[in-house]
N, C-alpha and C. Protein backbone atom coordinates (compact mmCIF):
# COMPACT_ATOMS: atom_id res chain seq x y z
N MET A 1 68.23 77.40 50.83
CA MET A 1 67.17 77.37 50.09
C MET A 1 67.54 78.39 48.56
N LEU A 2 67.23 77.51 47.77
CA LEU A 2 67.09 77.90 46.15
C LEU A 2 66.32 78.92 46.04
N CYS A 3 66.70 80.17 45.40
CA CYS A 3 66.26 80.93 44.53
C CYS A 3 65.49 80.99 43.74
N PRO A 4 64.18 80.91 43.21
CA PRO A 4 63.27 80.67 42.23
C PRO A 4 63.66 81.38 40.85
N TYR A 5 64.54 82.70 41.01
CA TYR A 5 64.64 83.41 40.06
C TYR A 5 66.07 83.86 39.82
N CYS A 6 67.00 83.40 40.75
CA CYS A 6 68.45 83.55 39.80
C CYS A 6 69.16 82.20 40.26
N LEU A 7 68.21 80.92 41.21
CA LEU A 7 68.90 79.93 41.62
C LEU A 7 70.14 79.97 42.53
N ASN A 8 70.11 81.45 43.05
CA ASN A 8 71.50 81.22 44.08
C ASN A 8 70.54 80.74 45.18
N THR A 9 72.10 79.96 46.17
CA THR A 9 71.75 78.87 47.14
C THR A 9 71.87 79.83 48.35
N GLU A 10 72.02 81.48 48.70
CA GLU A 10 72.17 82.19 49.85
C GLU A 10 70.74 83.26 49.85
N THR A 11 70.08 82.82 50.91
CA THR A 11 68.85 83.71 51.03
C THR A 11 68.77 83.94 52.56
N LYS A 12 67.79 84.75 53.00
CA LYS A 12 67.73 85.01 53.95
C LYS A 12 66.12 85.40 54.50
N VAL A 13 66.04 84.58 55.74
CA VAL A 13 64.24 85.10 55.91
C VAL A 13 64.34 86.23 56.96
N ILE A 14 62.98 86.73 56.15
CA ILE A 14 62.27 88.11 56.57
C ILE A 14 61.74 87.91 57.61
N ASP A 15 60.73 87.36 57.38
CA ASP A 15 59.61 87.25 58.56
C ASP A 15 58.89 85.44 58.38
N LYS A 16 58.52 84.80 59.57
CA LYS A 16 58.23 83.83 59.69
C LYS A 16 56.84 83.62 60.57
N ARG A 17 55.73 82.54 59.91
CA ARG A 17 54.52 82.89 60.48
C ARG A 17 54.11 81.59 60.73
N ASP A 18 53.20 80.95 61.66
CA ASP A 18 52.67 79.72 61.63
C ASP A 18 51.32 79.85 60.85
N ALA A 19 50.87 79.05 60.38
CA ALA A 19 49.53 79.28 59.42
C ALA A 19 48.86 78.02 59.79
N GLY A 20 48.48 77.58 61.07
CA GLY A 20 47.73 76.56 61.10
C GLY A 20 48.64 75.16 60.69
N GLY A 21 49.20 74.98 61.04
CA GLY A 21 50.09 73.88 61.58
C GLY A 21 51.32 73.63 59.89
N VAL A 22 51.36 74.97 59.53
CA VAL A 22 52.57 75.03 58.19
C VAL A 22 53.15 76.55 58.61
N ILE A 23 54.22 76.28 58.72
CA ILE A 23 55.10 77.30 59.09
C ILE A 23 55.62 78.22 57.12
N LYS A 24 55.13 79.24 57.32
CA LYS A 24 55.43 80.19 56.17
C LYS A 24 56.42 80.93 56.44
N ARG A 25 57.38 81.08 55.51
CA ARG A 25 58.53 81.90 55.68
C ARG A 25 58.70 83.20 54.22
N ARG A 26 58.81 83.94 54.85
CA ARG A 26 59.23 84.77 53.29
C ARG A 26 60.38 85.25 53.19
N ARG A 27 61.20 84.96 52.31
CA ARG A 27 62.35 84.92 52.21
C ARG A 27 63.54 86.07 51.19
N GLU A 28 64.26 86.56 51.16
CA GLU A 28 65.09 87.15 50.33
C GLU A 28 66.36 86.68 49.79
N CYS A 29 66.60 86.85 48.19
CA CYS A 29 67.97 86.63 48.06
C CYS A 29 68.82 87.28 48.33
N LEU A 30 70.05 86.81 48.56
CA LEU A 30 70.99 88.10 48.65
C LEU A 30 71.75 88.45 47.50
N LYS A 31 71.66 87.64 46.43
CA LYS A 31 72.13 88.04 44.89
C LYS A 31 70.77 89.09 44.12
N CYS A 32 69.94 88.76 44.02
CA CYS A 32 69.16 89.53 43.32
C CYS A 32 67.71 90.31 44.40
N HIS A 33 68.06 90.07 45.24
CA HIS A 33 67.61 91.05 46.01
C HIS A 33 65.33 90.64 45.82
N GLN A 34 64.77 89.44 44.95
CA GLN A 34 63.68 89.13 44.87
C GLN A 34 63.57 88.56 46.42
N ARG A 35 61.74 88.41 46.49
CA ARG A 35 61.06 87.95 47.65
C ARG A 35 60.26 86.64 47.31
N PHE A 36 60.43 85.49 48.01
CA PHE A 36 59.54 84.75 47.73
C PHE A 36 59.37 84.04 48.81
N ASN A 37 57.99 83.24 48.63
CA ASN A 37 57.62 82.71 50.14
C ASN A 37 58.19 81.23 50.00
N THR A 38 58.34 80.23 51.15
CA THR A 38 58.09 79.13 51.18
C THR A 38 56.99 78.46 52.69
N LEU A 39 56.49 77.40 52.39
CA LEU A 39 56.16 76.63 53.09
C LEU A 39 56.77 75.38 53.93
N GLU A 40 56.64 75.18 55.33
CA GLU A 40 57.76 74.19 55.89
C GLU A 40 56.11 73.74 56.86
N SER A 41 55.85 72.04 56.47
CA SER A 41 55.24 71.71 57.14
C SER A 41 55.98 70.27 57.63
N VAL A 42 55.26 69.48 58.49
CA VAL A 42 55.84 67.89 59.08
C VAL A 42 55.33 66.94 58.29
N GLU A 43 56.11 66.00 57.82
CA GLU A 43 55.68 65.25 57.18
C GLU A 43 55.14 63.69 57.97
N LYS A 44 53.88 63.83 57.38
CA LYS A 44 52.93 62.78 58.42
C LYS A 44 53.18 61.32 57.56
N ILE A 45 53.46 60.26 58.50
CA ILE A 45 53.47 58.73 58.15
C ILE A 45 52.32 58.59 57.58
N GLU A 46 52.40 57.82 56.31
CA GLU A 46 51.13 57.37 55.81
C GLU A 46 50.91 56.10 56.69
N LEU A 47 49.69 56.23 57.15
CA LEU A 47 49.02 55.00 58.42
C LEU A 47 48.22 54.04 57.34
N ARG A 48 48.43 52.90 57.61
CA ARG A 48 47.64 52.03 56.86
C ARG A 48 46.80 50.88 58.15
N VAL A 49 45.57 50.79 57.71
CA VAL A 49 44.74 50.05 58.36
C VAL A 49 44.50 48.52 57.93
N ILE A 50 44.93 47.66 59.35
CA ILE A 50 44.58 46.31 59.19
C ILE A 50 43.30 45.92 58.96
N LYS A 51 42.32 45.55 58.07
CA LYS A 51 40.95 44.82 58.61
C LYS A 51 40.78 43.63 59.30
N LYS A 52 39.34 43.17 60.08
CA LYS A 52 39.59 42.31 60.30
C LYS A 52 39.86 41.09 59.43
N ASP A 53 39.45 41.03 57.88
CA ASP A 53 39.97 39.82 57.24
C ASP A 53 41.18 40.14 56.79
N GLY A 54 42.30 41.05 57.43
CA GLY A 54 43.37 40.84 56.74
C GLY A 54 43.75 41.49 55.50
N ARG A 55 42.78 42.40 54.72
CA ARG A 55 43.19 43.30 54.04
C ARG A 55 44.21 44.65 54.53
N ARG A 56 44.87 45.37 53.99
CA ARG A 56 45.00 46.29 54.49
C ARG A 56 44.50 47.70 53.38
N GLU A 57 44.23 48.77 54.26
CA GLU A 57 44.20 50.40 53.13
C GLU A 57 44.69 51.40 53.74
N ASP A 58 44.68 52.36 53.06
CA ASP A 58 44.76 53.44 53.47
C ASP A 58 44.01 54.34 54.72
N PHE A 59 44.58 54.94 55.69
CA PHE A 59 43.67 55.35 56.74
C PHE A 59 42.91 56.76 56.34
N ASP A 60 41.59 56.53 56.30
CA ASP A 60 40.85 57.35 56.26
C ASP A 60 40.13 58.42 57.22
N LYS A 61 40.44 59.36 57.65
CA LYS A 61 40.04 59.96 59.08
C LYS A 61 38.73 60.39 58.63
N GLU A 62 38.26 60.86 57.57
CA GLU A 62 36.93 60.84 56.85
C GLU A 62 35.76 59.60 57.36
N LYS A 63 36.29 58.80 57.91
CA LYS A 63 35.41 57.28 57.85
C LYS A 63 35.52 57.21 59.27
N ILE A 64 36.16 57.92 60.03
CA ILE A 64 35.96 57.87 61.68
C ILE A 64 34.86 58.99 62.07
N ARG A 65 35.22 60.31 61.14
CA ARG A 65 34.52 61.24 61.21
C ARG A 65 32.83 60.86 61.15
N LYS A 66 32.74 60.40 59.54
CA LYS A 66 31.16 59.94 59.40
C LYS A 66 30.56 58.91 60.57
N GLY A 67 31.24 57.83 61.53
CA GLY A 67 30.91 57.50 62.30
C GLY A 67 30.20 57.96 63.19
N ILE A 68 31.58 58.59 63.90
CA ILE A 68 31.09 60.04 64.87
C ILE A 68 30.15 60.93 65.08
N LEU A 69 29.90 61.26 63.66
CA LEU A 69 28.77 62.47 63.28
C LEU A 69 27.40 61.51 63.52
N ARG A 70 27.35 59.89 62.92
CA ARG A 70 26.23 59.45 62.97
C ARG A 70 25.93 58.94 64.09
N ALA A 71 26.73 58.68 65.03
CA ALA A 71 26.26 58.51 66.51
C ALA A 71 26.18 59.41 67.14
N CYS A 72 26.60 60.79 66.74
CA CYS A 72 26.55 62.38 67.81
C CYS A 72 25.13 62.66 66.92
N GLU A 73 24.65 62.41 66.14
CA GLU A 73 23.17 62.56 65.27
C GLU A 73 22.55 63.13 66.28
N LYS A 74 21.92 64.81 66.25
CA LYS A 74 20.72 65.14 67.45
C LYS A 74 21.49 64.97 68.82
N ARG A 75 22.29 64.71 69.14
CA ARG A 75 22.94 64.84 70.38
C ARG A 75 23.76 66.27 70.58
N PRO A 76 23.73 66.44 71.80
CA PRO A 76 24.17 67.70 72.06
C PRO A 76 26.06 68.00 72.13
N VAL A 77 26.44 67.49 70.85
CA VAL A 77 27.79 67.35 70.63
C VAL A 77 28.30 68.59 70.04
N SER A 78 29.29 69.31 70.05
CA SER A 78 29.76 70.23 69.04
C SER A 78 30.40 69.78 68.07
N THR A 79 30.48 70.40 66.65
CA THR A 79 31.66 70.36 66.17
C THR A 79 33.14 70.42 66.18
N GLU A 80 33.06 71.42 67.26
CA GLU A 80 34.52 71.25 67.72
C GLU A 80 35.19 70.20 68.51
N THR A 81 34.02 69.67 69.54
CA THR A 81 34.23 68.70 70.14
C THR A 81 34.38 67.65 69.58
N ILE A 82 33.74 67.09 68.26
CA ILE A 82 34.14 66.07 67.59
C ILE A 82 35.55 66.16 66.69
N ASP A 83 36.20 67.35 66.28
CA ASP A 83 37.10 67.76 65.58
C ASP A 83 38.49 67.19 66.72
N ILE A 84 38.04 67.48 67.97
CA ILE A 84 38.71 67.74 68.84
C ILE A 84 39.19 66.11 69.15
N MET A 85 37.97 65.44 69.17
CA MET A 85 38.02 63.79 69.20
C MET A 85 38.60 63.09 68.01
N ILE A 86 38.68 63.73 67.03
CA ILE A 86 39.12 63.12 65.97
C ILE A 86 40.68 63.67 66.10
N HIS A 87 41.18 64.45 66.02
CA HIS A 87 42.72 64.73 66.50
C HIS A 87 43.39 63.96 67.60
N ASN A 88 42.58 63.55 68.45
CA ASN A 88 42.88 62.97 69.58
C ASN A 88 43.30 61.51 69.16
N ILE A 89 42.29 61.04 68.13
CA ILE A 89 41.99 59.67 67.96
C ILE A 89 43.20 59.52 66.78
N GLU A 90 43.66 60.53 66.23
CA GLU A 90 44.56 60.24 64.90
C GLU A 90 45.93 60.17 65.61
N GLU A 91 46.18 60.62 66.46
CA GLU A 91 47.29 61.17 67.00
C GLU A 91 47.95 60.11 68.12
N LYS A 92 46.55 59.05 68.41
CA LYS A 92 47.05 58.19 69.39
C LYS A 92 47.29 57.14 68.29
N LEU A 93 46.66 56.94 66.92
CA LEU A 93 46.78 55.86 65.99
C LEU A 93 48.24 56.40 65.36
N ARG A 94 48.67 57.45 65.12
CA ARG A 94 50.02 57.55 64.60
C ARG A 94 51.32 57.12 65.72
N LYS A 95 51.42 57.11 66.87
CA LYS A 95 52.17 57.23 67.95
C LYS A 95 52.08 55.21 67.55
N LYS A 96 51.23 54.69 67.62
CA LYS A 96 51.12 53.37 67.53
C LYS A 96 52.05 52.72 66.34
N GLY A 97 52.09 53.37 65.41
CA GLY A 97 52.98 53.03 64.19
C GLY A 97 52.33 53.07 62.67
N LYS A 98 52.67 52.84 61.85
CA LYS A 98 52.54 52.61 60.70
C LYS A 98 51.43 52.08 60.08
N GLU A 99 50.77 51.14 60.75
CA GLU A 99 49.88 50.01 60.39
C GLU A 99 49.33 50.21 61.78
N VAL A 100 47.80 49.72 62.20
CA VAL A 100 47.17 49.46 63.18
C VAL A 100 46.13 48.62 62.76
N ASN A 101 45.05 47.91 63.31
CA ASN A 101 44.45 47.16 63.15
C ASN A 101 43.09 48.33 63.17
N SER A 102 42.06 47.94 62.58
CA SER A 102 40.34 48.28 62.66
C SER A 102 39.84 48.29 63.96
N THR A 103 40.16 47.07 64.96
CA THR A 103 39.56 46.79 65.83
C THR A 103 40.28 47.94 66.97
N PHE A 104 41.33 48.47 67.12
CA PHE A 104 42.13 49.13 67.80
C PHE A 104 41.47 50.50 67.42
N ILE A 105 40.95 50.87 66.65
CA ILE A 105 40.53 52.35 66.06
C ILE A 105 39.29 52.20 66.64
N GLY A 106 38.00 51.08 66.48
CA GLY A 106 36.98 51.08 66.95
C GLY A 106 36.88 51.39 68.44
N GLU A 107 37.92 50.67 69.05
CA GLU A 107 37.82 50.96 70.52
C GLU A 107 38.38 52.43 71.27
N LEU A 108 39.15 52.72 70.04
CA LEU A 108 39.70 54.33 70.80
C LEU A 108 38.50 55.27 70.29
N VAL A 109 37.79 54.95 69.03
CA VAL A 109 36.69 55.74 69.00
C VAL A 109 35.45 55.72 70.40
N SER A 110 35.44 54.47 70.36
CA SER A 110 34.41 54.00 71.89
C SER A 110 34.55 54.87 72.91
N ARG A 111 36.16 54.63 73.39
CA ARG A 111 36.29 55.38 74.62
C ARG A 111 36.27 56.82 74.64
N GLU A 112 36.89 57.45 73.34
CA GLU A 112 36.16 58.94 73.31
C GLU A 112 35.23 59.28 73.17
N LEU A 113 34.27 58.72 72.58
CA LEU A 113 32.58 58.69 72.73
C LEU A 113 32.04 59.03 73.98
N LYS A 114 32.27 57.45 74.84
CA LYS A 114 32.11 57.22 76.40
C LYS A 114 32.70 58.40 77.25
N LYS A 115 33.39 58.78 76.83
CA LYS A 115 33.96 60.58 77.48
C LYS A 115 32.58 61.36 77.48
N ILE A 116 32.59 61.69 76.35
CA ILE A 116 31.60 62.83 75.87
C ILE A 116 30.20 62.84 75.99
N ASP A 117 29.25 61.71 75.50
CA ASP A 117 28.25 61.15 75.35
C ASP A 117 27.88 59.81 75.23
N LYS A 118 27.18 59.60 76.44
CA LYS A 118 26.48 58.11 76.86
C LYS A 118 26.06 57.45 75.57
N ILE A 119 24.90 58.31 75.00
CA ILE A 119 24.01 57.66 74.13
C ILE A 119 24.56 57.47 72.47
N ALA A 120 25.46 58.47 72.12
CA ALA A 120 26.54 58.42 71.07
C ALA A 120 27.56 57.32 71.11
N TYR A 121 27.83 57.02 72.41
CA TYR A 121 28.47 55.93 72.84
C TYR A 121 27.49 54.48 72.53
N ILE A 122 26.66 54.09 72.96
CA ILE A 122 25.74 53.52 72.74
C ILE A 122 25.55 53.08 71.37
N ARG A 123 24.79 54.02 70.71
CA ARG A 123 24.82 54.07 69.31
C ARG A 123 26.14 53.80 68.50
N PHE A 124 27.28 54.11 68.85
CA PHE A 124 28.50 53.57 68.14
C PHE A 124 28.78 51.93 68.43
N ALA A 125 28.44 51.97 69.85
CA ALA A 125 28.80 50.30 70.48
C ALA A 125 28.10 49.55 69.18
N SER A 126 26.45 49.78 69.22
CA SER A 126 25.50 48.87 68.61
C SER A 126 26.09 48.41 67.65
N VAL A 127 26.56 49.77 66.31
CA VAL A 127 27.41 49.09 65.48
C VAL A 127 28.74 48.39 65.10
N TYR A 128 29.47 49.24 65.80
CA TYR A 128 30.82 48.28 66.10
C TYR A 128 30.98 46.92 66.71
N LYS A 129 30.37 46.82 67.79
CA LYS A 129 30.13 45.48 68.42
C LYS A 129 29.10 44.70 67.91
N ASP A 130 28.25 45.28 66.73
CA ASP A 130 27.37 44.18 65.80
C ASP A 130 26.31 43.71 66.78
N PHE A 131 25.68 44.69 67.59
CA PHE A 131 24.78 43.68 68.52
C PHE A 131 23.47 43.15 67.93
N ARG A 132 22.86 41.91 68.24
CA ARG A 132 22.38 41.06 67.46
C ARG A 132 20.56 41.67 68.20
N ASP A 133 20.30 41.63 69.22
CA ASP A 133 19.36 42.04 69.96
C ASP A 133 19.09 43.06 70.77
N ILE A 134 17.95 43.15 71.62
CA ILE A 134 18.07 44.14 73.10
C ILE A 134 18.53 43.34 74.26
N SER A 135 18.94 42.09 74.39
CA SER A 135 19.63 41.84 75.65
C SER A 135 21.27 42.71 75.14
N ASP A 136 21.82 42.82 74.13
CA ASP A 136 23.10 43.14 74.07
C ASP A 136 22.90 44.58 74.26
N PHE A 137 22.06 45.22 73.85
CA PHE A 137 21.91 46.81 74.46
C PHE A 137 21.95 46.33 76.03
N LYS A 138 21.26 45.99 76.73
CA LYS A 138 21.25 46.11 78.22
C LYS A 138 22.16 45.91 78.96
N LYS A 139 23.29 44.83 78.33
CA LYS A 139 24.53 44.35 78.59
C LYS A 139 25.56 45.77 78.95
N GLU A 140 25.13 46.40 77.52
CA GLU A 140 26.28 47.26 77.31
C GLU A 140 25.81 48.61 78.29
N ILE A 141 24.67 48.70 78.85
CA ILE A 141 24.12 49.88 79.26
C ILE A 141 24.61 49.74 80.93
N LYS A 142 24.61 48.38 81.24
CA LYS A 142 24.75 47.92 82.62
C LYS A 142 26.43 48.17 82.81
N GLU A 143 27.03 47.79 81.98
CA GLU A 143 28.62 48.25 82.12
C GLU A 143 28.64 49.50 82.07
N LEU A 144 27.83 50.55 81.48
CA LEU A 144 28.34 51.84 81.95
C LEU A 144 28.18 52.18 83.00
């Protein structure tokens, strides 16, 4: 690690803390004895989404959050539960690779919602699966 004061390459770590997924290190230069902080985090792979029409766009976790929040509106699902759900979905997507199909994302969201709240699942499925009439709702409810 390079000292920002004297540019010496020899430093020692005095303290280390985990600050929400980021490791914060307090360092001291062995030459000038100045102290400074460094932050260390895991580099996340940029995730791309392949849309149904073949277009590719950057993954946006907020789109998933908005869809889940809309499905869970006025349902007894906590924000913490939604955050955990989103984290689990993102983790599975990153394991899949650098590019994922939007349909795969929809299936993951559907599965997570089905475990948490059946009404929220039906709401999400009605948009995701593009229900046309009441018979589509009946069919999906029977499968539950």
